[in-house]
N, C-alpha and C. Protein backbone atom coordinates (compact mmCIF):
# COMPACT_ATOMS: atom_id res chain seq x y z
N MET A 1 0.80 -1.24 0.02
CA MET A 1 -0.02 0.03 -0.08
C MET A 1 0.83 1.13 0.01
N PRO A 2 0.66 2.16 -0.73
CA PRO A 2 1.43 3.45 -0.86
C PRO A 2 1.10 4.40 0.21
N ILE A 3 2.10 4.87 0.79
CA ILE A 3 2.09 5.72 2.14
C ILE A 3 2.15 7.15 1.56
N GLU A 4 0.94 8.00 1.36
CA GLU A 4 1.00 9.27 0.75
C GLU A 4 0.49 10.24 1.72
N PRO A 5 0.93 11.47 1.48
CA PRO A 5 0.43 12.58 2.32
C PRO A 5 -1.04 12.46 2.42
N VAL A 6 -1.68 12.91 3.47
CA VAL A 6 -3.05 12.84 3.72
C VAL A 6 -3.40 13.89 4.80
N THR A 7 -4.74 14.39 4.75
CA THR A 7 -5.17 15.20 5.81
C THR A 7 -6.11 14.31 6.63
N LEU A 8 -5.98 14.40 7.94
CA LEU A 8 -7.06 13.57 8.94
C LEU A 8 -7.64 14.68 9.76
N GLU A 9 -9.03 14.55 9.65
CA GLU A 9 -9.87 15.63 10.25
C GLU A 9 -10.71 14.97 11.31
N GLY A 10 -10.95 15.49 12.40
CA GLY A 10 -11.94 15.26 13.60
C GLY A 10 -12.70 16.53 13.84
N ARG A 11 -13.32 16.29 15.14
CA ARG A 11 -14.04 17.46 15.54
C ARG A 11 -13.27 18.57 16.23
N HIS A 12 -12.18 18.16 16.60
CA HIS A 12 -11.31 19.23 17.38
C HIS A 12 -10.03 19.57 16.71
N VAL A 13 -9.53 18.66 15.80
CA VAL A 13 -8.06 18.83 15.28
C VAL A 13 -8.25 18.27 13.83
N ARG A 14 -7.33 19.01 13.09
CA ARG A 14 -7.12 18.63 11.80
C ARG A 14 -5.58 18.29 11.56
N LEU A 15 -5.12 17.16 11.06
CA LEU A 15 -3.72 16.89 10.77
C LEU A 15 -3.33 17.15 9.43
N GLU A 16 -2.73 18.08 9.09
CA GLU A 16 -2.45 18.41 7.78
C GLU A 16 -0.99 17.88 7.43
N SER A 17 -0.72 17.33 6.27
CA SER A 17 0.51 16.89 5.87
C SER A 17 1.59 18.08 5.90
N LEU A 18 2.50 17.95 6.64
CA LEU A 18 3.52 19.10 6.96
C LEU A 18 4.13 19.54 5.76
N GLU A 19 4.18 20.81 5.64
CA GLU A 19 4.79 21.54 4.47
C GLU A 19 5.51 22.79 4.99
N MET A 20 6.33 23.39 4.19
CA MET A 20 7.22 24.50 4.60
C MET A 20 6.18 25.70 4.85
N HIS A 21 5.01 25.69 4.39
CA HIS A 21 4.32 26.97 4.63
C HIS A 21 3.77 26.91 6.12
N HIS A 22 3.79 25.68 6.78
CA HIS A 22 3.35 25.60 8.12
C HIS A 22 4.60 26.17 9.21
N LEU A 23 5.70 26.41 8.74
CA LEU A 23 6.84 26.73 9.56
C LEU A 23 6.44 27.91 10.41
N GLN A 24 5.92 28.98 9.91
CA GLN A 24 5.73 30.32 10.78
C GLN A 24 4.82 29.92 11.98
N GLY A 25 3.78 29.10 11.69
CA GLY A 25 2.75 28.83 12.65
C GLY A 25 3.35 27.99 13.76
N LEU A 26 4.20 26.99 13.21
CA LEU A 26 5.13 26.06 14.31
C LEU A 26 5.93 26.82 14.98
N THR A 27 6.62 27.87 14.42
CA THR A 27 7.54 28.55 15.28
C THR A 27 6.79 29.50 16.18
N ASP A 28 5.68 30.05 15.81
CA ASP A 28 4.85 30.92 16.79
C ASP A 28 4.58 30.14 18.09
N VAL A 29 4.23 28.88 18.02
CA VAL A 29 3.94 28.32 19.28
C VAL A 29 4.91 27.27 19.67
N GLY A 30 5.74 26.93 18.80
CA GLY A 30 6.80 25.84 19.30
C GLY A 30 7.97 26.19 20.17
N LEU A 31 8.30 27.57 20.26
CA LEU A 31 9.33 28.03 20.97
C LEU A 31 8.97 28.60 22.42
N GLU A 32 7.59 28.23 22.86
CA GLU A 32 7.17 28.55 24.07
C GLU A 32 7.51 27.40 25.10
N GLY A 33 7.72 27.68 26.19
CA GLY A 33 8.05 26.64 27.16
C GLY A 33 9.06 25.71 26.85
N ASP A 34 8.89 24.43 27.28
CA ASP A 34 9.90 23.36 26.93
C ASP A 34 9.14 22.23 26.41
N VAL A 35 8.50 22.40 25.31
CA VAL A 35 7.80 21.27 24.72
C VAL A 35 8.75 20.22 23.97
N PHE A 36 10.08 20.79 23.61
CA PHE A 36 11.04 19.81 23.11
C PHE A 36 11.87 19.21 24.21
N ARG A 37 11.71 19.42 25.44
CA ARG A 37 12.54 18.94 26.40
C ARG A 37 12.94 17.40 26.48
N TRP A 38 11.92 16.67 25.98
CA TRP A 38 12.24 15.20 25.98
C TRP A 38 12.48 14.60 24.70
N MET A 39 12.57 15.53 23.68
CA MET A 39 12.94 14.99 22.34
C MET A 39 14.38 14.96 22.12
N PRO A 40 14.80 13.92 21.22
CA PRO A 40 16.38 13.77 21.04
C PRO A 40 16.99 14.96 20.45
N LYS A 41 16.28 15.82 19.64
CA LYS A 41 16.83 17.04 19.33
C LYS A 41 16.00 18.22 19.82
N ILE A 42 16.60 19.08 20.57
CA ILE A 42 16.02 20.23 20.95
C ILE A 42 15.77 21.42 20.07
N VAL A 43 14.59 21.92 19.87
CA VAL A 43 14.34 23.05 19.06
C VAL A 43 14.17 24.29 20.04
N ARG A 44 15.31 25.26 19.90
CA ARG A 44 15.23 26.58 20.74
C ARG A 44 15.12 27.77 20.06
N THR A 45 15.33 27.55 18.59
CA THR A 45 15.41 28.96 17.78
C THR A 45 14.63 28.82 16.58
N THR A 46 14.32 29.83 15.84
CA THR A 46 13.71 29.78 14.60
C THR A 46 14.38 29.00 13.50
N GLU A 47 15.81 29.18 13.65
CA GLU A 47 16.57 28.27 12.61
C GLU A 47 16.43 26.78 12.92
N ASP A 48 16.46 26.41 14.32
CA ASP A 48 16.14 25.07 14.66
C ASP A 48 14.77 24.49 14.16
N MET A 49 13.91 25.27 14.14
CA MET A 49 12.60 24.83 13.77
C MET A 49 12.58 24.77 12.14
N ARG A 50 13.28 25.69 11.52
CA ARG A 50 13.24 25.59 10.01
C ARG A 50 14.07 24.19 9.71
N THR A 51 15.11 23.94 10.41
CA THR A 51 15.94 22.73 10.04
C THR A 51 15.05 21.58 10.24
N MET A 52 14.24 21.43 11.45
CA MET A 52 13.40 20.29 11.62
C MET A 52 12.44 20.16 10.67
N VAL A 53 11.69 21.18 10.21
CA VAL A 53 10.68 21.10 9.27
C VAL A 53 11.30 20.78 7.78
N GLU A 54 12.39 21.25 7.42
CA GLU A 54 12.92 20.89 6.23
C GLU A 54 13.38 19.31 6.40
N GLU A 55 13.78 18.93 7.29
CA GLU A 55 14.32 17.51 7.35
C GLU A 55 13.11 16.61 7.37
N LEU A 56 12.09 16.91 8.00
CA LEU A 56 10.76 16.14 7.86
C LEU A 56 10.16 16.13 6.59
N VAL A 57 10.24 17.26 5.93
CA VAL A 57 9.45 17.36 4.58
C VAL A 57 10.13 16.41 3.65
N LEU A 58 11.73 16.43 3.83
CA LEU A 58 12.63 15.74 2.94
C LEU A 58 12.40 14.25 3.18
N ASP A 59 12.27 13.91 4.60
CA ASP A 59 12.09 12.49 4.91
C ASP A 59 11.00 12.00 4.32
N ARG A 60 9.77 12.67 4.27
CA ARG A 60 8.56 12.36 3.75
C ARG A 60 8.65 11.93 2.30
N THR A 61 9.45 12.65 1.51
CA THR A 61 9.48 12.44 0.18
C THR A 61 10.32 11.10 -0.06
N ASP A 62 11.15 10.78 0.96
CA ASP A 62 11.92 9.65 0.96
C ASP A 62 11.06 8.39 1.46
N GLY A 63 9.93 8.70 1.96
CA GLY A 63 9.19 7.54 2.56
C GLY A 63 9.37 7.05 3.81
N ILE A 64 10.31 7.94 4.54
CA ILE A 64 10.69 7.53 5.99
C ILE A 64 9.64 7.74 7.04
N VAL A 65 9.01 8.92 6.82
CA VAL A 65 8.10 9.55 7.88
C VAL A 65 6.87 10.18 6.93
N LEU A 66 5.81 10.20 7.80
CA LEU A 66 4.65 11.09 7.24
C LEU A 66 4.30 11.92 8.33
N PRO A 67 4.83 13.18 8.36
CA PRO A 67 4.70 14.30 9.46
C PRO A 67 3.53 15.02 9.14
N PHE A 68 3.07 15.64 10.16
CA PHE A 68 1.73 16.44 10.19
C PHE A 68 1.91 17.71 10.94
N ALA A 69 1.24 18.91 10.38
CA ALA A 69 1.01 19.97 11.30
C ALA A 69 -0.29 19.72 12.17
N THR A 70 -0.38 20.00 13.45
CA THR A 70 -1.59 19.81 14.28
C THR A 70 -2.14 21.08 14.45
N ILE A 71 -3.48 21.17 14.06
CA ILE A 71 -4.35 22.36 13.76
C ILE A 71 -5.44 22.25 14.72
N GLU A 72 -5.64 23.18 15.45
CA GLU A 72 -6.96 23.33 16.17
C GLU A 72 -8.10 23.78 15.19
N ARG A 73 -9.02 22.89 14.98
CA ARG A 73 -10.11 23.36 14.06
C ARG A 73 -10.78 24.51 14.42
N GLU A 74 -11.21 24.88 15.66
CA GLU A 74 -12.09 26.11 16.04
C GLU A 74 -11.39 27.23 15.59
N SER A 75 -10.10 27.59 15.99
CA SER A 75 -9.34 28.69 15.61
C SER A 75 -8.62 28.57 14.42
N GLY A 76 -8.31 27.63 13.94
CA GLY A 76 -7.32 27.40 12.57
C GLY A 76 -5.97 27.45 12.83
N ARG A 77 -5.56 27.51 14.24
CA ARG A 77 -4.17 27.82 14.62
C ARG A 77 -3.50 26.54 14.70
N ILE A 78 -2.26 26.60 14.12
CA ILE A 78 -1.36 25.42 14.29
C ILE A 78 -0.94 25.49 15.81
N VAL A 79 -1.02 24.12 16.33
CA VAL A 79 -0.83 24.10 17.83
C VAL A 79 0.36 22.92 18.14
N GLY A 80 1.02 22.40 17.12
CA GLY A 80 2.04 21.49 17.32
C GLY A 80 2.18 20.69 16.12
N SER A 81 2.66 19.51 16.27
CA SER A 81 3.16 18.66 15.28
C SER A 81 3.14 17.13 15.71
N THR A 82 2.96 16.07 14.74
CA THR A 82 3.11 14.76 15.11
C THR A 82 3.37 14.00 13.80
N ARG A 83 3.75 12.83 13.84
CA ARG A 83 4.12 12.06 12.64
C ARG A 83 4.02 10.52 12.88
N PHE A 84 3.84 9.85 11.59
CA PHE A 84 4.05 8.44 11.66
C PHE A 84 5.43 8.42 11.25
N MET A 85 6.11 7.41 11.92
CA MET A 85 7.63 7.24 11.84
C MET A 85 7.93 5.72 11.57
N ALA A 86 9.09 5.37 11.32
CA ALA A 86 9.44 3.92 11.14
C ALA A 86 8.33 3.15 10.46
N ILE A 87 7.84 3.69 9.39
CA ILE A 87 6.87 2.93 8.58
C ILE A 87 7.35 1.77 7.91
N ASP A 88 6.73 0.73 8.16
CA ASP A 88 7.19 -0.69 7.77
C ASP A 88 5.94 -1.35 7.05
N SER A 89 5.74 -1.06 5.73
CA SER A 89 4.56 -1.52 5.05
C SER A 89 4.78 -3.09 4.61
N VAL A 90 5.91 -3.57 4.72
CA VAL A 90 6.08 -5.14 4.67
C VAL A 90 5.48 -5.72 5.82
N ASN A 91 6.00 -5.46 7.00
CA ASN A 91 5.65 -6.15 8.42
C ASN A 91 4.40 -5.61 8.88
N ARG A 92 3.88 -4.40 8.35
CA ARG A 92 2.49 -3.71 8.57
C ARG A 92 2.58 -3.14 10.00
N HIS A 93 3.54 -2.55 10.26
CA HIS A 93 3.42 -1.57 11.61
C HIS A 93 4.22 -0.31 11.34
N VAL A 94 3.82 0.44 12.37
CA VAL A 94 4.22 1.94 12.31
C VAL A 94 4.53 2.42 13.61
N GLU A 95 5.14 3.53 13.93
CA GLU A 95 5.32 4.15 15.12
C GLU A 95 4.64 5.59 14.94
N ILE A 96 3.93 5.96 15.98
CA ILE A 96 3.51 7.40 16.05
C ILE A 96 4.26 8.05 17.07
N GLY A 97 4.93 9.20 16.57
CA GLY A 97 5.68 9.92 17.49
C GLY A 97 6.09 11.33 17.16
N GLY A 98 7.15 11.83 17.70
CA GLY A 98 7.77 13.15 17.37
C GLY A 98 6.62 14.13 17.66
N THR A 99 5.76 13.70 18.71
CA THR A 99 4.58 14.63 18.96
C THR A 99 4.88 15.64 20.00
N TRP A 100 4.52 16.95 19.51
CA TRP A 100 4.66 18.03 20.60
C TRP A 100 3.35 18.98 20.39
N ILE A 101 2.85 19.43 21.48
CA ILE A 101 1.86 20.35 21.47
C ILE A 101 2.11 21.52 22.37
N ALA A 102 1.82 22.74 21.89
CA ALA A 102 2.15 23.99 22.55
C ALA A 102 1.42 23.95 23.95
N PRO A 103 2.01 24.52 24.93
CA PRO A 103 1.48 24.64 26.38
C PRO A 103 -0.01 24.89 26.48
N ALA A 104 -0.51 25.82 25.78
CA ALA A 104 -1.88 26.38 25.95
C ALA A 104 -2.82 25.25 25.35
N TRP A 105 -2.45 24.16 24.65
CA TRP A 105 -3.29 23.08 24.16
C TRP A 105 -3.01 21.87 24.70
N GLN A 106 -2.15 21.70 25.60
CA GLN A 106 -1.87 20.47 26.33
C GLN A 106 -3.06 20.20 27.19
N ARG A 107 -3.19 18.93 27.42
CA ARG A 107 -4.26 18.48 28.26
C ARG A 107 -5.70 19.04 27.81
N THR A 108 -5.86 19.04 26.46
CA THR A 108 -7.13 19.38 25.75
C THR A 108 -7.34 18.18 24.87
N ALA A 109 -8.41 18.07 24.24
CA ALA A 109 -8.98 17.10 23.34
C ALA A 109 -8.07 16.66 22.20
N ILE A 110 -7.23 17.87 21.76
CA ILE A 110 -6.31 17.94 20.74
C ILE A 110 -5.49 16.56 20.47
N ASN A 111 -4.68 16.30 21.37
CA ASN A 111 -3.65 15.15 21.22
C ASN A 111 -4.50 13.86 21.31
N THR A 112 -5.51 13.83 22.23
CA THR A 112 -6.33 12.47 22.06
C THR A 112 -6.97 12.24 20.86
N GLU A 113 -7.65 13.31 20.22
CA GLU A 113 -8.22 12.94 18.92
C GLU A 113 -7.21 12.88 17.76
N ALA A 114 -6.01 13.59 17.93
CA ALA A 114 -4.92 13.40 16.76
C ALA A 114 -4.57 11.93 16.95
N LYS A 115 -4.14 11.27 18.15
CA LYS A 115 -3.87 10.04 18.21
C LYS A 115 -4.98 9.01 17.57
N PHE A 116 -6.31 9.32 17.91
CA PHE A 116 -7.36 8.55 17.43
C PHE A 116 -7.39 8.36 16.05
N LEU A 117 -7.24 9.66 15.34
CA LEU A 117 -7.24 9.79 13.92
C LEU A 117 -5.99 9.06 13.33
N MET A 118 -5.03 9.11 13.85
CA MET A 118 -3.83 8.34 13.35
C MET A 118 -3.89 6.83 13.62
N LEU A 119 -4.27 6.34 14.68
CA LEU A 119 -4.63 5.05 14.99
C LEU A 119 -5.61 4.53 13.95
N GLN A 120 -6.57 5.12 13.75
CA GLN A 120 -7.75 4.74 12.88
C GLN A 120 -7.22 4.64 11.46
N HIS A 121 -6.38 5.62 11.01
CA HIS A 121 -5.82 5.42 9.66
C HIS A 121 -4.80 4.33 9.55
N ALA A 122 -4.03 4.12 10.54
CA ALA A 122 -3.04 3.05 10.60
C ALA A 122 -3.78 1.64 10.51
N PHE A 123 -4.70 1.50 11.20
CA PHE A 123 -5.43 0.05 11.30
C PHE A 123 -6.33 0.06 10.08
N GLU A 124 -7.27 1.00 9.89
CA GLU A 124 -8.39 0.85 9.11
C GLU A 124 -8.19 1.30 7.55
N THR A 125 -7.15 2.11 7.45
CA THR A 125 -6.81 2.46 5.95
C THR A 125 -5.65 1.65 5.41
N TRP A 126 -4.69 1.62 6.32
CA TRP A 126 -3.37 0.93 5.91
C TRP A 126 -3.55 -0.49 5.99
N GLY A 127 -4.35 -0.98 7.06
CA GLY A 127 -4.44 -2.28 7.41
C GLY A 127 -3.35 -2.87 8.25
N PHE A 128 -2.72 -2.01 8.96
CA PHE A 128 -1.43 -2.35 9.74
C PHE A 128 -1.93 -3.13 10.78
N ILE A 129 -0.91 -4.00 11.43
CA ILE A 129 -1.33 -4.92 12.52
C ILE A 129 -0.75 -4.57 13.99
N ARG A 130 0.04 -3.46 13.82
CA ARG A 130 0.66 -2.93 15.18
C ARG A 130 0.97 -1.45 15.12
N VAL A 131 0.85 -0.70 16.11
CA VAL A 131 1.22 0.69 16.24
C VAL A 131 2.08 0.97 17.37
N GLU A 132 3.20 1.46 17.23
CA GLU A 132 4.23 1.60 18.24
C GLU A 132 4.35 2.97 18.88
N PHE A 133 4.78 3.16 20.04
CA PHE A 133 4.87 4.43 20.72
C PHE A 133 6.05 4.23 21.51
N LYS A 134 7.09 5.31 21.61
CA LYS A 134 8.12 5.26 22.52
C LYS A 134 8.26 6.67 23.13
N THR A 135 8.80 6.54 24.39
CA THR A 135 8.89 7.87 25.34
C THR A 135 10.33 7.81 25.82
N ASP A 136 10.79 8.88 26.26
CA ASP A 136 11.94 9.05 27.25
C ASP A 136 11.36 8.46 28.55
N SER A 137 12.18 7.59 29.14
CA SER A 137 11.80 7.00 30.28
C SER A 137 11.53 8.03 31.51
N LEU A 138 12.14 9.30 31.32
CA LEU A 138 11.93 10.28 32.35
C LEU A 138 10.64 11.02 32.09
N ASN A 139 10.13 10.94 30.89
CA ASN A 139 8.93 11.74 30.50
C ASN A 139 7.62 11.15 31.21
N THR A 140 7.45 11.23 32.34
CA THR A 140 6.41 10.60 33.14
C THR A 140 4.88 11.07 32.44
N ARG A 141 4.69 12.31 31.98
CA ARG A 141 3.48 12.84 31.45
C ARG A 141 3.26 12.12 30.08
N SER A 142 4.17 11.96 29.26
CA SER A 142 3.98 11.32 27.87
C SER A 142 3.76 9.71 28.25
N ARG A 143 4.36 9.29 29.29
CA ARG A 143 4.21 7.65 29.47
C ARG A 143 2.69 7.53 29.97
N GLN A 144 2.30 8.40 30.74
CA GLN A 144 0.77 8.24 31.39
C GLN A 144 -0.13 8.51 30.14
N ALA A 145 0.13 9.42 29.12
CA ALA A 145 -0.88 9.81 28.17
C ALA A 145 -0.80 8.74 27.11
N VAL A 146 0.10 8.07 26.93
CA VAL A 146 0.19 6.80 26.06
C VAL A 146 -0.50 5.67 26.60
N LEU A 147 -0.31 5.52 27.95
CA LEU A 147 -1.35 4.48 28.65
C LEU A 147 -2.70 4.71 28.62
N ARG A 148 -3.10 6.13 28.87
CA ARG A 148 -4.48 6.50 28.77
C ARG A 148 -5.23 6.20 27.47
N ILE A 149 -4.25 6.19 26.46
CA ILE A 149 -5.04 5.93 25.06
C ILE A 149 -5.37 4.48 24.95
N GLY A 150 -4.72 3.69 25.87
CA GLY A 150 -4.95 2.17 25.76
C GLY A 150 -3.77 1.26 25.14
N ALA A 151 -2.63 1.99 25.09
CA ALA A 151 -1.42 1.26 24.60
C ALA A 151 -0.87 0.33 25.74
N THR A 152 -0.25 -0.71 25.56
CA THR A 152 0.50 -1.54 26.53
C THR A 152 1.90 -1.15 26.47
N GLU A 153 2.40 -1.24 27.75
CA GLU A 153 3.76 -0.90 27.96
C GLU A 153 4.53 -2.27 27.81
N GLU A 154 5.54 -2.23 26.86
CA GLU A 154 6.33 -3.44 26.48
C GLU A 154 7.54 -3.50 27.11
N GLY A 155 8.34 -2.49 27.52
CA GLY A 155 9.49 -2.72 28.18
C GLY A 155 10.40 -1.55 27.78
N THR A 156 11.49 -1.49 28.41
CA THR A 156 12.47 -0.25 28.23
C THR A 156 13.63 -0.59 27.49
N PHE A 157 14.12 -0.01 26.42
CA PHE A 157 15.27 -0.08 25.82
C PHE A 157 16.39 0.75 26.51
N ARG A 158 17.27 0.27 27.19
CA ARG A 158 18.18 0.86 27.90
C ARG A 158 19.38 1.39 27.19
N ASN A 159 19.91 2.61 27.52
CA ASN A 159 20.94 3.14 26.70
C ASN A 159 20.47 3.32 25.33
N HIS A 160 19.38 3.69 24.85
CA HIS A 160 18.73 3.56 23.59
C HIS A 160 19.27 4.51 22.59
N MET A 161 19.47 5.80 23.20
CA MET A 161 20.06 6.88 22.27
C MET A 161 20.59 8.15 22.88
N MET A 162 21.47 8.75 22.29
CA MET A 162 21.99 9.94 22.81
C MET A 162 21.22 11.13 22.43
N VAL A 163 20.81 12.06 23.38
CA VAL A 163 20.08 13.33 23.29
C VAL A 163 20.99 14.42 23.39
N ASP A 164 20.39 15.60 22.72
CA ASP A 164 21.18 16.83 22.80
C ASP A 164 21.57 17.03 24.31
N GLY A 165 22.75 17.57 24.35
CA GLY A 165 23.28 17.68 25.69
C GLY A 165 23.98 16.46 26.09
N GLY A 166 23.99 15.51 25.33
CA GLY A 166 24.96 14.33 25.76
C GLY A 166 24.32 13.23 26.65
N ARG A 167 23.27 13.52 27.22
CA ARG A 167 22.37 12.59 28.18
C ARG A 167 22.16 11.26 27.24
N ILE A 168 22.36 9.99 28.01
CA ILE A 168 22.02 8.66 27.37
C ILE A 168 20.51 8.70 27.83
N ARG A 169 19.70 8.29 26.83
CA ARG A 169 18.15 8.03 27.03
C ARG A 169 17.90 6.62 26.95
N HIS A 170 17.02 6.38 27.97
CA HIS A 170 16.38 5.15 28.04
C HIS A 170 14.93 5.28 27.39
N SER A 171 14.59 4.53 26.55
CA SER A 171 13.24 4.69 26.04
C SER A 171 12.27 3.43 26.17
N VAL A 172 11.02 3.94 26.61
CA VAL A 172 9.91 2.99 26.93
C VAL A 172 9.05 2.78 25.82
N TYR A 173 8.90 1.69 25.45
CA TYR A 173 8.19 1.19 24.32
C TYR A 173 6.74 0.70 24.59
N PHE A 174 5.69 1.16 23.95
CA PHE A 174 4.37 0.72 24.02
C PHE A 174 3.67 0.24 22.61
N SER A 175 2.67 -0.34 22.63
CA SER A 175 2.07 -0.75 21.44
C SER A 175 0.51 -1.02 21.50
N ILE A 176 -0.16 -0.73 20.39
CA ILE A 176 -1.47 -1.36 20.32
C ILE A 176 -1.50 -2.27 19.05
N THR A 177 -2.17 -3.47 19.29
CA THR A 177 -2.20 -4.31 18.07
C THR A 177 -3.56 -4.28 17.37
N ARG A 178 -3.62 -4.80 16.34
CA ARG A 178 -4.96 -4.86 15.42
C ARG A 178 -6.10 -5.44 16.35
N GLU A 179 -5.90 -6.44 17.18
CA GLU A 179 -6.90 -7.16 18.09
C GLU A 179 -7.34 -6.28 19.10
N GLU A 180 -6.46 -5.37 19.46
CA GLU A 180 -6.93 -4.58 20.62
C GLU A 180 -7.57 -3.21 20.04
N TRP A 181 -7.38 -2.95 18.86
CA TRP A 181 -7.84 -1.58 18.16
C TRP A 181 -9.39 -1.43 18.40
N PRO A 182 -10.25 -2.35 18.19
CA PRO A 182 -11.81 -2.15 18.26
C PRO A 182 -12.31 -1.83 19.64
N GLY A 183 -11.67 -2.32 20.82
CA GLY A 183 -12.00 -1.94 22.02
C GLY A 183 -11.51 -0.54 22.29
N ILE A 184 -10.17 -0.24 21.88
CA ILE A 184 -9.63 1.04 22.29
C ILE A 184 -10.53 2.11 21.61
N LYS A 185 -10.83 1.80 20.21
CA LYS A 185 -11.57 2.63 19.55
C LYS A 185 -12.66 3.16 20.24
N VAL A 186 -13.58 2.28 20.67
CA VAL A 186 -14.80 2.47 21.41
C VAL A 186 -14.36 3.56 22.61
N LYS A 187 -13.46 3.10 23.45
CA LYS A 187 -13.10 3.99 24.42
C LYS A 187 -12.58 5.31 24.25
N LEU A 188 -11.93 5.56 23.16
CA LEU A 188 -11.47 6.76 22.69
C LEU A 188 -12.70 7.55 22.15
N LEU A 189 -13.45 6.97 21.42
CA LEU A 189 -14.72 7.77 20.81
C LEU A 189 -15.67 8.16 22.12
N THR A 190 -15.77 7.33 23.08
CA THR A 190 -16.50 7.67 24.29
C THR A 190 -16.13 8.81 25.05
N ARG A 191 -14.63 8.84 24.95
CA ARG A 191 -13.95 9.96 25.87
C ARG A 191 -14.08 11.15 24.97
N LEU A 192 -14.00 11.24 23.76
CA LEU A 192 -13.93 12.30 22.78
C LEU A 192 -15.42 12.88 22.87
N ALA A 193 -16.40 12.00 22.99
CA ALA A 193 -17.81 12.58 22.90
C ALA A 193 -18.19 13.43 24.16
N ARG A 194 -17.42 13.23 25.11
CA ARG A 194 -17.62 13.95 26.40
C ARG A 194 -16.95 15.27 26.37
N VAL A 195 -16.16 15.83 25.47
CA VAL A 195 -15.48 16.98 25.52
C VAL A 195 -16.04 17.85 24.45
């Protein structure tokens, strides 16, 4: 199955295939606070953001990732970014990651609905059998958020990667399988209906 750019849209969020024209909106909200604290590469400046977006757009054309700009539907404002990564069409699995949401939109329906839309696309459009997530072992909020959407914690890859600043990161892996998706879908739809 070809992995092509797509727009995914729900009631609260629209995920648009990332393009360079999203750069200013991402810069406007992405340099606030410490949204990149747990990412392997820290984005601190406008130039860092430009480099990240350029690399993601290039990687998309190479079929490595499928990145999105995360847009709040009500305001039309860009509030972050997320992506499909490690796309493996042969073995039918993918990772959802590289997600960041600007502080003003954290703990809203934005991230939950974005994950729902991506999971639905991976399982129901692509027909994949597994979706993976990984977080920095120190990122408690992210770990809790992945568990809340219904993923199963599988274990920790110790000394998994070097991050900006030279720290050695341990990564916690989670997954949702095709068999689990129908039940998780119902729970996520129920939760989203309440907001």
